[in-house]
Amino acid sequence: MFAIPETTPTAGKMEARKELRLHRADEERIKAAAAATGLQEADFIRQAALLRAQEVEQRMSLSILPTEAFEAFRKAVEAPGKVVPGLARAAEASKGLLKDAD
């Protein structure tokens, strides 16, 4: 048996249904891989899709910068703020015009 990473499936009744079309060769690969891991094909496919979704979610939440760019960003964030007169006046003039959504 092969060790594969696992995700925690969502608890509760599975109500959504998906169908997919595969080339025969892909179907055979999936069958063999599912058998090698001791999973039913549907569980294997579901787990593979959830792992891929998790990977995409993680990548969407990361920002990767080269060291020099990160240091420049950090320096800019940590620098004291500057008052921009026109912007400060516009902010003051707009007070009360906008409200947060409920």
Protein backbone atom coordinates (compact mmCIF):
# COMPACT_ATOMS: atom_id res chain seq x y z
CA MET A 1 0.00 0.00 0.00
CA PHE A 2 1.11 3.54 -0.69
CA ALA A 3 0.90 6.33 1.83
CA ILE A 4 -0.95 9.29 0.39
CA PRO A 5 -1.73 12.63 1.97
CA GLU A 6 -5.25 12.85 3.29
CA THR A 7 -7.72 15.64 3.71
CA THR A 8 -10.52 15.68 6.22
CA PRO A 9 -13.75 15.23 4.29
CA THR A 10 -16.69 17.43 5.15
CA ALA A 11 -18.88 15.78 7.75
CA GLY A 12 -22.49 14.93 7.04
CA LYS A 13 -24.48 13.47 4.21
CA MET A 14 -23.04 13.73 0.72
CA GLU A 15 -25.75 15.23 -1.45
CA ALA A 16 -23.90 16.73 -4.42
CA ARG A 17 -23.19 14.52 -7.38
CA LYS A 18 -20.64 14.98 -10.17
CA GLU A 19 -20.09 13.00 -13.33
CA LEU A 20 -16.95 13.04 -15.40
CA ARG A 21 -15.83 11.64 -18.70
CA LEU A 22 -12.44 9.98 -18.94
CA HIS A 23 -10.27 8.42 -21.58
CA ARG A 24 -10.09 4.67 -21.03
CA ALA A 25 -6.36 4.91 -20.29
CA ASP A 26 -7.02 7.52 -17.58
CA GLU A 27 -9.76 5.37 -16.10
CA GLU A 28 -7.37 2.42 -15.90
CA ARG A 29 -4.71 4.55 -14.19
CA ILE A 30 -7.24 5.75 -11.63
CA LYS A 31 -8.51 2.21 -11.01
CA ALA A 32 -4.97 0.95 -10.48
CA ALA A 33 -4.02 3.83 -8.20
CA ALA A 34 -7.22 3.46 -6.15
CA ALA A 35 -6.58 -0.26 -5.76
CA ALA A 36 -2.96 0.37 -4.75
CA THR A 37 -4.08 2.76 -2.01
CA GLY A 38 -6.95 0.56 -0.83
CA LEU A 39 -9.61 3.11 -1.72
CA GLN A 40 -12.77 2.83 -3.75
CA GLU A 41 -12.49 4.74 -7.03
CA ALA A 42 -15.01 7.38 -5.94
CA ASP A 43 -13.15 7.95 -2.68
CA PHE A 44 -9.84 8.12 -4.51
CA ILE A 45 -11.17 10.70 -6.99
CA ARG A 46 -12.88 12.73 -4.25
CA GLN A 47 -9.73 12.75 -2.12
CA ALA A 48 -7.54 13.72 -5.09
CA ALA A 49 -9.90 16.59 -5.97
CA LEU A 50 -9.98 17.81 -2.35
CA LEU A 51 -6.19 17.71 -2.10
CA ARG A 52 -5.90 19.73 -5.30
CA ALA A 53 -8.49 22.22 -4.04
CA GLN A 54 -6.55 22.59 -0.79
CA GLU A 55 -3.33 23.19 -2.72
CA VAL A 56 -4.99 25.90 -4.84
CA GLU A 57 -6.49 27.56 -1.74
CA GLN A 58 -3.08 27.62 -0.06
CA ARG A 59 -1.40 29.13 -3.11
CA MET A 60 -4.10 31.80 -3.33
CA SER A 61 -3.39 32.86 0.25
CA LEU A 62 0.38 33.25 -0.23
CA SER A 63 2.41 36.10 -1.64
CA ILE A 64 5.93 35.22 -2.65
CA LEU A 65 8.46 37.98 -3.20
CA PRO A 66 12.17 37.90 -3.90
CA THR A 67 14.18 38.85 -0.79
CA GLU A 68 15.05 42.33 -2.08
CA ALA A 69 11.42 43.12 -2.93
CA PHE A 70 10.23 41.84 0.46
CA GLU A 71 12.80 43.95 2.30
CA ALA A 72 11.72 47.04 0.34
CA PHE A 73 8.07 46.27 1.14
CA ARG A 74 8.82 45.72 4.83
CA LYS A 75 10.79 48.97 4.99
CA ALA A 76 7.93 50.89 3.35
CA VAL A 77 5.35 49.41 5.72
CA GLU A 78 7.44 50.16 8.80
CA ALA A 79 8.26 53.74 7.74
CA PRO A 80 6.35 56.52 9.47
CA GLY A 81 3.29 57.70 7.58
CA LYS A 82 3.15 60.98 5.70
CA VAL A 83 0.28 63.41 5.59
CA VAL A 84 -0.85 64.13 2.04
CA PRO A 85 -2.69 67.44 2.33
CA GLY A 86 -5.11 66.96 -0.57
CA LEU A 87 -5.97 63.45 0.54
CA ALA A 88 -6.44 64.52 4.15
CA ARG A 89 -8.84 67.30 3.04
CA ALA A 90 -10.78 64.89 0.81
CA ALA A 91 -11.11 62.39 3.64
CA GLU A 92 -12.32 65.08 6.01
CA ALA A 93 -14.83 66.42 3.45
CA SER A 94 -16.25 62.94 2.79
CA LYS A 95 -16.98 62.17 6.45
CA GLY A 96 -20.57 61.12 6.83
CA LEU A 97 -21.14 60.65 3.09
CA LEU A 98 -20.40 56.96 3.10
CA LYS A 99 -21.51 54.27 5.48
CA ASP A 100 -20.53 50.66 5.96
CA ALA A 101 -22.84 48.01 4.58
CA ASP A 102 -24.98 46.28 7.17
